[in-house]
């Protein structure tokens, strides 16, 4: 029996590896811990099993191992710049903490920010930062920490503030040409980076506008305390931030 023509891969055959990955994620990370009361499968096992399934299917369809290996290497070679961006995320967060940048931003944030709009700012500021840096994690771990520090000082609703920070960070990350996931997505489907970003604006911008309106309304439903009402706590926070920022 001759092997199937590898150039005639059907849509159903292309969906098989994705469906298998979805099923093993549901079983390993949902069914086992929630229903069977067992330890969830490690992510390494999940993705390794899915990779074995995909490679096995490719061999059945007639692809040689050399072709599969070459395809993997070519994709990794194209994605190498985005992997370097991933490595830089930890450097950004660590350097901001060690150098006192985060306490400095908390200090000036308390001095400058109008806390009546803390939820809107908690969404908008990470948008700017993650768009410029291309990292949602780095934005949450740096400027997000700053905003949370300000929110704690003025007794803002921390759940809403955290949600605004995460939403803004991920929105900016999707729209940034420096983002690792945005670059990888464009590489995976072999389209131009800016065409990919432009196609996402049809869904991301309307959702961002809706989110901004909701966070603006939350500012009236869950108002923050005025700074003069928490003067002692503010002074302690400012003094602590100033000490960390200028340790010498």
C-alpha atoms as a PDB file:
ATOM      1  CA  UNK A   1       0.000   0.000   0.000  1.00  0.00           C
ATOM      2  CA  UNK A   2       1.498   3.310  -1.096  1.00  0.00           C
ATOM      3  CA  UNK A   3       1.758   6.219   1.303  1.00  0.00           C
ATOM      4  CA  UNK A   4      -0.625   9.159   0.878  1.00  0.00           C
ATOM      5  CA  UNK A   5       0.607  12.103  -1.126  1.00  0.00           C
ATOM      6  CA  UNK A   6       2.087  14.479   1.429  1.00  0.00           C
ATOM      7  CA  UNK A   7       1.089  17.461  -0.740  1.00  0.00           C
ATOM      8  CA  UNK A   8      -2.597  16.620  -0.341  1.00  0.00           C
ATOM      9  CA  UNK A   9      -3.089  17.169   3.371  1.00  0.00           C
ATOM     10  CA  UNK A  10      -6.751  17.802   4.037  1.00  0.00           C
ATOM     11  CA  UNK A  11      -8.192  20.318   6.472  1.00  0.00           C
ATOM     12  CA  UNK A  12      -9.400  17.522   8.773  1.00  0.00           C
ATOM     13  CA  UNK A  13      -5.887  16.051   8.875  1.00  0.00           C
ATOM     14  CA  UNK A  14      -4.483  19.470   9.757  1.00  0.00           C
ATOM     15  CA  UNK A  15      -6.948  19.800  12.629  1.00  0.00           C
ATOM     16  CA  UNK A  16      -6.019  16.433  14.210  1.00  0.00           C
ATOM     17  CA  UNK A  17      -2.896  17.657  16.101  1.00  0.00           C
ATOM     18  CA  UNK A  18      -4.720  20.730  17.420  1.00  0.00           C
ATOM     19  CA  UNK A  19      -7.695  18.638  18.529  1.00  0.00           C
ATOM     20  CA  UNK A  20      -5.394  16.133  20.231  1.00  0.00           C
ATOM     21  CA  UNK A  21      -3.574  18.920  22.086  1.00  0.00           C
ATOM     22  CA  UNK A  22      -6.914  20.367  23.193  1.00  0.00           C
ATOM     23  CA  UNK A  23      -8.125  16.991  24.464  1.00  0.00           C
ATOM     24  CA  UNK A  24      -4.958  16.243  26.411  1.00  0.00           C
ATOM     25  CA  UNK A  25      -5.050  19.723  27.992  1.00  0.00           C
ATOM     26  CA  UNK A  26      -8.672  19.148  29.065  1.00  0.00           C
ATOM     27  CA  UNK A  27      -7.821  15.710  30.460  1.00  0.00           C
ATOM     28  CA  UNK A  28      -4.491  16.559  32.067  1.00  0.00           C
ATOM     29  CA  UNK A  29      -5.269  20.005  33.477  1.00  0.00           C
ATOM     30  CA  UNK A  30      -9.029  19.883  34.086  1.00  0.00           C
ATOM     31  CA  UNK A  31     -10.400  16.344  34.352  1.00  0.00           C
ATOM     32  CA  UNK A  32      -7.565  14.896  36.455  1.00  0.00           C
ATOM     33  CA  UNK A  33      -7.378  17.566  39.189  1.00  0.00           C
ATOM     34  CA  UNK A  34     -11.058  18.560  39.283  1.00  0.00           C
ATOM     35  CA  UNK A  35     -12.993  15.333  38.717  1.00  0.00           C
ATOM     36  CA  UNK A  36     -10.528  12.492  39.336  1.00  0.00           C
ATOM     37  CA  UNK A  37      -8.788  14.264  42.244  1.00  0.00           C
ATOM     38  CA  UNK A  38      -5.401  13.355  40.791  1.00  0.00           C
ATOM     39  CA  UNK A  39      -2.261  15.367  40.232  1.00  0.00           C
ATOM     40  CA  UNK A  40      -2.515  17.366  36.962  1.00  0.00           C
ATOM     41  CA  UNK A  41      -0.189  16.411  34.150  1.00  0.00           C
ATOM     42  CA  UNK A  42       2.933  18.612  33.921  1.00  0.00           C
ATOM     43  CA  UNK A  43       2.891  20.969  30.946  1.00  0.00           C
ATOM     44  CA  UNK A  44       6.090  19.361  29.696  1.00  0.00           C
ATOM     45  CA  UNK A  45       4.297  15.999  29.396  1.00  0.00           C
ATOM     46  CA  UNK A  46       1.286  17.615  27.717  1.00  0.00           C
ATOM     47  CA  UNK A  47       3.297  19.335  24.972  1.00  0.00           C
ATOM     48  CA  UNK A  48       5.726  16.434  24.554  1.00  0.00           C
ATOM     49  CA  UNK A  49       2.820  14.034  23.998  1.00  0.00           C
ATOM     50  CA  UNK A  50       1.202  16.428  21.522  1.00  0.00           C
ATOM     51  CA  UNK A  51       4.521  16.742  19.659  1.00  0.00           C
ATOM     52  CA  UNK A  52       4.862  12.952  19.419  1.00  0.00           C
ATOM     53  CA  UNK A  53       1.329  12.732  18.037  1.00  0.00           C
ATOM     54  CA  UNK A  54       1.990  15.442  15.428  1.00  0.00           C
ATOM     55  CA  UNK A  55       5.291  13.911  14.304  1.00  0.00           C
ATOM     56  CA  UNK A  56       3.724  10.453  14.086  1.00  0.00           C
ATOM     57  CA  UNK A  57       0.922  11.822  11.900  1.00  0.00           C
ATOM     58  CA  UNK A  58       3.432  13.545   9.627  1.00  0.00           C
ATOM     59  CA  UNK A  59       5.349  10.289   9.191  1.00  0.00           C
ATOM     60  CA  UNK A  60       2.107   8.474   8.324  1.00  0.00           C
ATOM     61  CA  UNK A  61       1.309  11.163   5.746  1.00  0.00           C
ATOM     62  CA  UNK A  62       4.626  10.474   4.049  1.00  0.00           C
ATOM     63  CA  UNK A  63       6.942  13.152   5.398  1.00  0.00           C
ATOM     64  CA  UNK A  64      10.532  12.101   6.022  1.00  0.00           C
ATOM     65  CA  UNK A  65      12.192  12.848   9.358  1.00  0.00           C
ATOM     66  CA  UNK A  66      14.739  15.077   7.610  1.00  0.00           C
ATOM     67  CA  UNK A  67      11.909  17.235   6.239  1.00  0.00           C
ATOM     68  CA  UNK A  68      10.244  17.494   9.648  1.00  0.00           C
ATOM     69  CA  UNK A  69      13.533  18.401  11.318  1.00  0.00           C
ATOM     70  CA  UNK A  70      14.338  21.020   8.684  1.00  0.00           C
ATOM     71  CA  UNK A  71      10.896  22.613   9.098  1.00  0.00           C
ATOM     72  CA  UNK A  72      11.349  22.798  12.876  1.00  0.00           C
ATOM     73  CA  UNK A  73      14.786  24.395  12.515  1.00  0.00           C
ATOM     74  CA  UNK A  74      13.531  26.949   9.993  1.00  0.00           C
ATOM     75  CA  UNK A  75      10.661  28.012  12.273  1.00  0.00           C
ATOM     76  CA  UNK A  76      13.001  28.318  15.262  1.00  0.00           C
ATOM     77  CA  UNK A  77      15.433  30.349  13.172  1.00  0.00           C
ATOM     78  CA  UNK A  78      12.694  32.800  12.206  1.00  0.00           C
ATOM     79  CA  UNK A  79      11.458  33.018  15.797  1.00  0.00           C
ATOM     80  CA  UNK A  80      14.919  33.547  17.337  1.00  0.00           C
ATOM     81  CA  UNK A  81      14.592  37.376  17.627  1.00  0.00           C
ATOM     82  CA  UNK A  82      11.322  36.977  19.529  1.00  0.00           C
ATOM     83  CA  UNK A  83      12.967  34.484  21.890  1.00  0.00           C
ATOM     84  CA  UNK A  84      15.554  37.144  22.743  1.00  0.00           C
ATOM     85  CA  UNK A  85      12.668  39.482  23.602  1.00  0.00           C
ATOM     86  CA  UNK A  86      11.412  36.845  26.049  1.00  0.00           C
ATOM     87  CA  UNK A  87      14.837  36.678  27.716  1.00  0.00           C
ATOM     88  CA  UNK A  88      14.841  40.459  28.093  1.00  0.00           C
ATOM     89  CA  UNK A  89      11.610  40.493  30.116  1.00  0.00           C
ATOM     90  CA  UNK A  90      13.308  39.218  33.260  1.00  0.00           C
ATOM     91  CA  UNK A  91      16.161  41.684  32.799  1.00  0.00           C
ATOM     92  CA  UNK A  92      13.726  44.602  32.629  1.00  0.00           C
ATOM     93  CA  UNK A  93      11.858  43.590  35.782  1.00  0.00           C
ATOM     94  CA  UNK A  94      15.032  42.804  37.737  1.00  0.00           C
ATOM     95  CA  UNK A  95      16.830  45.986  36.748  1.00  0.00           C
ATOM     96  CA  UNK A  96      13.847  48.175  37.664  1.00  0.00           C
ATOM     97  CA  UNK A  97      13.627  46.569  41.105  1.00  0.00           C
ATOM     98  CA  UNK A  98      17.366  46.679  41.862  1.00  0.00           C
ATOM     99  CA  UNK A  99      17.874  50.232  40.626  1.00  0.00           C
ATOM    100  CA  UNK A 100      14.936  51.626  42.618  1.00  0.00           C
ATOM    101  CA  UNK A 101      12.906  52.573  39.537  1.00  0.00           C
ATOM    102  CA  UNK A 102       9.679  51.004  40.816  1.00  0.00           C
ATOM    103  CA  UNK A 103       9.737  52.789  44.235  1.00  0.00           C
ATOM    104  CA  UNK A 104      10.567  56.029  42.413  1.00  0.00           C
ATOM    105  CA  UNK A 105       7.531  55.632  40.147  1.00  0.00           C
ATOM    106  CA  UNK A 106       5.325  54.855  43.148  1.00  0.00           C
ATOM    107  CA  UNK A 107       6.615  58.020  44.839  1.00  0.00           C
ATOM    108  CA  UNK A 108       5.915  60.313  41.881  1.00  0.00           C
ATOM    109  CA  UNK A 109       2.726  58.432  41.020  1.00  0.00           C
ATOM    110  CA  UNK A 110       1.246  59.273  44.412  1.00  0.00           C
ATOM    111  CA  UNK A 111       2.349  62.880  43.985  1.00  0.00           C
ATOM    112  CA  UNK A 112       1.010  63.350  40.449  1.00  0.00           C
ATOM    113  CA  UNK A 113      -1.815  60.893  39.675  1.00  0.00           C
ATOM    114  CA  UNK A 114      -5.412  61.981  40.200  1.00  0.00           C
ATOM    115  CA  UNK A 115      -6.734  59.053  42.212  1.00  0.00           C
ATOM    116  CA  UNK A 116     -10.332  59.745  41.105  1.00  0.00           C
ATOM    117  CA  UNK A 117      -9.368  58.082  37.807  1.00  0.00           C
ATOM    118  CA  UNK A 118      -7.132  55.342  39.225  1.00  0.00           C
ATOM    119  CA  UNK A 119      -8.963  52.522  37.386  1.00  0.00           C
ATOM    120  CA  UNK A 120      -8.797  54.274  34.011  1.00  0.00           C
ATOM    121  CA  UNK A 121      -5.111  55.057  34.539  1.00  0.00           C
ATOM    122  CA  UNK A 122      -4.516  51.465  35.680  1.00  0.00           C
ATOM    123  CA  UNK A 123      -5.709  50.375  32.234  1.00  0.00           C
ATOM    124  CA  UNK A 124      -4.199  53.130  30.094  1.00  0.00           C
ATOM    125  CA  UNK A 125      -0.672  53.341  31.551  1.00  0.00           C
ATOM    126  CA  UNK A 126       0.138  49.620  31.037  1.00  0.00           C
ATOM    127  CA  UNK A 127      -1.180  49.989  27.466  1.00  0.00           C
ATOM    128  CA  UNK A 128       1.498  52.592  26.749  1.00  0.00           C
ATOM    129  CA  UNK A 129       4.244  50.725  28.570  1.00  0.00           C
ATOM    130  CA  UNK A 130       3.574  47.295  27.035  1.00  0.00           C
ATOM    131  CA  UNK A 131       3.234  48.813  23.546  1.00  0.00           C
ATOM    132  CA  UNK A 132       6.644  50.464  23.888  1.00  0.00           C
ATOM    133  CA  UNK A 133       8.403  47.462  25.457  1.00  0.00           C
ATOM    134  CA  UNK A 134       6.470  44.651  23.777  1.00  0.00           C
ATOM    135  CA  UNK A 135       5.935  42.661  26.964  1.00  0.00           C
ATOM    136  CA  UNK A 136       2.754  42.181  28.964  1.00  0.00           C
ATOM    137  CA  UNK A 137       4.557  40.317  31.752  1.00  0.00           C
ATOM    138  CA  UNK A 138       7.187  43.011  32.008  1.00  0.00           C
ATOM    139  CA  UNK A 139       4.509  45.689  32.090  1.00  0.00           C
ATOM    140  CA  UNK A 140       2.567  43.915  34.845  1.00  0.00           C
ATOM    141  CA  UNK A 141       5.725  43.202  36.827  1.00  0.00           C
ATOM    142  CA  UNK A 142       6.977  46.797  36.698  1.00  0.00           C
ATOM    143  CA  UNK A 143       4.454  49.565  36.084  1.00  0.00           C
ATOM    144  CA  UNK A 144       1.674  47.247  37.288  1.00  0.00           C
ATOM    145  CA  UNK A 145       3.397  46.911  40.661  1.00  0.00           C
ATOM    146  CA  UNK A 146       3.678  50.703  40.804  1.00  0.00           C
ATOM    147  CA  UNK A 147      -0.045  51.208  40.179  1.00  0.00           C
ATOM    148  CA  UNK A 148      -0.981  48.543  42.726  1.00  0.00           C
ATOM    149  CA  UNK A 149       1.178  50.334  45.269  1.00  0.00           C
ATOM    150  CA  UNK A 150      -0.682  53.573  44.591  1.00  0.00           C
ATOM    151  CA  UNK A 151      -4.049  51.768  44.736  1.00  0.00           C
ATOM    152  CA  UNK A 152      -3.207  50.296  48.140  1.00  0.00           C
ATOM    153  CA  UNK A 153      -2.227  53.732  49.420  1.00  0.00           C
ATOM    154  CA  UNK A 154      -5.555  55.327  48.462  1.00  0.00           C
ATOM    155  CA  UNK A 155      -7.651  52.231  49.376  1.00  0.00           C
ATOM    156  CA  UNK A 156      -8.818  51.589  45.824  1.00  0.00           C
ATOM    157  CA  UNK A 157     -10.575  48.348  44.911  1.00  0.00           C
ATOM    158  CA  UNK A 158      -7.585  46.056  44.315  1.00  0.00           C
ATOM    159  CA  UNK A 159      -9.485  43.504  42.235  1.00  0.00           C
ATOM    160  CA  UNK A 160     -10.651  46.119  39.743  1.00  0.00           C
ATOM    161  CA  UNK A 161      -7.214  47.737  39.675  1.00  0.00           C
ATOM    162  CA  UNK A 162      -5.490  44.410  38.991  1.00  0.00           C
ATOM    163  CA  UNK A 163      -7.985  43.589  36.230  1.00  0.00           C
ATOM    164  CA  UNK A 164      -7.396  46.966  34.594  1.00  0.00           C
ATOM    165  CA  UNK A 165      -3.616  46.511  34.748  1.00  0.00           C
ATOM    166  CA  UNK A 166      -3.716  43.043  33.208  1.00  0.00           C
ATOM    167  CA  UNK A 167      -6.203  44.073  30.511  1.00  0.00           C
ATOM    168  CA  UNK A 168      -4.173  47.114  29.522  1.00  0.00           C
ATOM    169  CA  UNK A 169      -0.910  45.188  29.515  1.00  0.00           C
ATOM    170  CA  UNK A 170      -2.253  42.476  27.229  1.00  0.00           C
ATOM    171  CA  UNK A 171      -3.896  44.993  24.909  1.00  0.00           C
ATOM    172  CA  UNK A 172      -0.614  46.889  24.474  1.00  0.00           C
ATOM    173  CA  UNK A 173       1.292  43.641  24.074  1.00  0.00           C
ATOM    174  CA  UNK A 174      -0.937  42.518  21.195  1.00  0.00           C
ATOM    175  CA  UNK A 175      -0.506  45.848  19.400  1.00  0.00           C
ATOM    176  CA  UNK A 176       3.273  46.103  19.845  1.00  0.00           C
ATOM    177  CA  UNK A 177       5.617  45.189  16.964  1.00  0.00           C
ATOM    178  CA  UNK A 178       8.158  44.220  19.660  1.00  0.00           C
ATOM    179  CA  UNK A 179       5.861  41.631  21.235  1.00  0.00           C
ATOM    180  CA  UNK A 180       7.114  38.050  21.172  1.00  0.00           C
ATOM    181  CA  UNK A 181       3.663  36.489  20.747  1.00  0.00           C
ATOM    182  CA  UNK A 182       2.668  38.959  18.028  1.00  0.00           C
ATOM    183  CA  UNK A 183       5.851  38.211  16.091  1.00  0.00           C
ATOM    184  CA  UNK A 184       5.472  34.464  16.534  1.00  0.00           C
ATOM    185  CA  UNK A 185       1.834  34.567  15.374  1.00  0.00           C
ATOM    186  CA  UNK A 186       2.828  36.470  12.231  1.00  0.00           C
ATOM    187  CA  UNK A 187       5.680  34.038  11.571  1.00  0.00           C
ATOM    188  CA  UNK A 188       3.469  30.997  12.117  1.00  0.00           C
ATOM    189  CA  UNK A 189       1.009  32.002   9.382  1.00  0.00           C
ATOM    190  CA  UNK A 190       3.697  33.696   7.247  1.00  0.00           C
ATOM    191  CA  UNK A 191       2.106  37.141   7.005  1.00  0.00           C
ATOM    192  CA  UNK A 192       3.687  40.555   7.405  1.00  0.00           C
ATOM    193  CA  UNK A 193       3.940  41.728  10.993  1.00  0.00           C
ATOM    194  CA  UNK A 194       2.071  45.002  10.501  1.00  0.00           C
ATOM    195  CA  UNK A 195      -0.652  43.297   8.479  1.00  0.00           C
ATOM    196  CA  UNK A 196      -1.198  41.004  11.446  1.00  0.00           C
ATOM    197  CA  UNK A 197      -1.324  43.939  13.867  1.00  0.00           C
ATOM    198  CA  UNK A 198      -3.713  45.823  11.585  1.00  0.00           C
ATOM    199  CA  UNK A 199      -6.052  42.822  11.423  1.00  0.00           C
ATOM    200  CA  UNK A 200      -6.262  42.696  15.237  1.00  0.00           C
ATOM    201  CA  UNK A 201      -7.409  46.308  15.538  1.00  0.00           C
ATOM    202  CA  UNK A 202     -10.948  45.356  14.443  1.00  0.00           C
ATOM    203  CA  UNK A 203     -11.469  43.422  17.670  1.00  0.00           C
ATOM    204  CA  UNK A 204      -8.977  44.863  20.162  1.00  0.00           C
ATOM    205  CA  UNK A 205      -9.786  48.576  19.824  1.00  0.00           C
ATOM    206  CA  UNK A 206     -13.568  48.235  20.358  1.00  0.00           C
ATOM    207  CA  UNK A 207     -12.979  45.991  23.378  1.00  0.00           C
ATOM    208  CA  UNK A 208     -10.440  48.486  24.791  1.00  0.00           C
ATOM    209  CA  UNK A 209     -12.919  51.353  24.452  1.00  0.00           C
ATOM    210  CA  UNK A 210     -15.622  49.323  26.215  1.00  0.00           C
ATOM    211  CA  UNK A 211     -13.144  48.472  28.994  1.00  0.00           C
ATOM    212  CA  UNK A 212     -12.189  52.129  29.449  1.00  0.00           C
ATOM    213  CA  UNK A 213     -15.850  53.116  29.802  1.00  0.00           C
ATOM    214  CA  UNK A 214     -16.432  50.374  32.369  1.00  0.00           C
ATOM    215  CA  UNK A 215     -13.378  51.353  34.430  1.00  0.00           C
ATOM    216  CA  UNK A 216     -14.463  54.998  34.285  1.00  0.00           C
ATOM    217  CA  UNK A 217     -17.872  54.025  35.691  1.00  0.00           C
ATOM    218  CA  UNK A 218     -16.202  51.895  38.378  1.00  0.00           C
ATOM    219  CA  UNK A 219     -14.467  55.064  39.544  1.00  0.00           C
ATOM    220  CA  UNK A 220     -17.856  56.345  40.715  1.00  0.00           C
ATOM    221  CA  UNK A 221     -19.138  53.014  42.042  1.00  0.00           C
ATOM    222  CA  UNK A 222     -15.961  52.222  44.005  1.00  0.00           C
ATOM    223  CA  UNK A 223     -14.446  55.648  44.759  1.00  0.00           C
ATOM    224  CA  UNK A 224     -11.010  55.947  46.305  1.00  0.00           C
ATOM    225  CA  UNK A 225     -10.205  57.822  49.471  1.00  0.00           C
ATOM    226  CA  UNK A 226      -8.845  61.323  49.105  1.00  0.00           C
ATOM    227  CA  UNK A 227      -5.174  61.638  49.920  1.00  0.00           C
ATOM    228  CA  UNK A 228      -5.861  63.984  52.827  1.00  0.00           C
ATOM    229  CA  UNK A 229      -7.996  61.248  54.426  1.00  0.00           C
ATOM    230  CA  UNK A 230      -5.027  58.860  54.459  1.00  0.00           C
ATOM    231  CA  UNK A 231      -2.254  61.367  55.118  1.00  0.00           C
ATOM    232  CA  UNK A 232      -0.395  59.215  57.611  1.00  0.00           C
ATOM    233  CA  UNK A 233      -0.363  56.148  55.360  1.00  0.00           C
ATOM    234  CA  UNK A 234       0.668  58.276  52.375  1.00  0.00           C
ATOM    235  CA  UNK A 235       3.549  59.849  54.289  1.00  0.00           C
ATOM    236  CA  UNK A 236       4.788  56.439  55.443  1.00  0.00           C
ATOM    237  CA  UNK A 237       4.627  55.092  51.881  1.00  0.00           C
ATOM    238  CA  UNK A 238       6.396  58.140  50.430  1.00  0.00           C
ATOM    239  CA  UNK A 239       9.112  57.982  53.074  1.00  0.00           C
ATOM    240  CA  UNK A 240       9.650  54.263  52.468  1.00  0.00           C
ATOM    241  CA  UNK A 241       9.791  54.705  48.669  1.00  0.00           C
ATOM    242  CA  UNK A 242      12.229  57.586  48.973  1.00  0.00           C
ATOM    243  CA  UNK A 243      14.491  55.509  51.233  1.00  0.00           C
ATOM    244  CA  UNK A 244      14.561  52.599  48.767  1.00  0.00           C
ATOM    245  CA  UNK A 245      15.084  54.882  45.767  1.00  0.00           C
ATOM    246  CA  UNK A 246      18.036  56.694  47.362  1.00  0.00           C
ATOM    247  CA  UNK A 247      19.692  54.068  49.610  1.00  0.00           C
ATOM    248  CA  UNK A 248      22.969  55.965  49.740  1.00  0.00           C
END
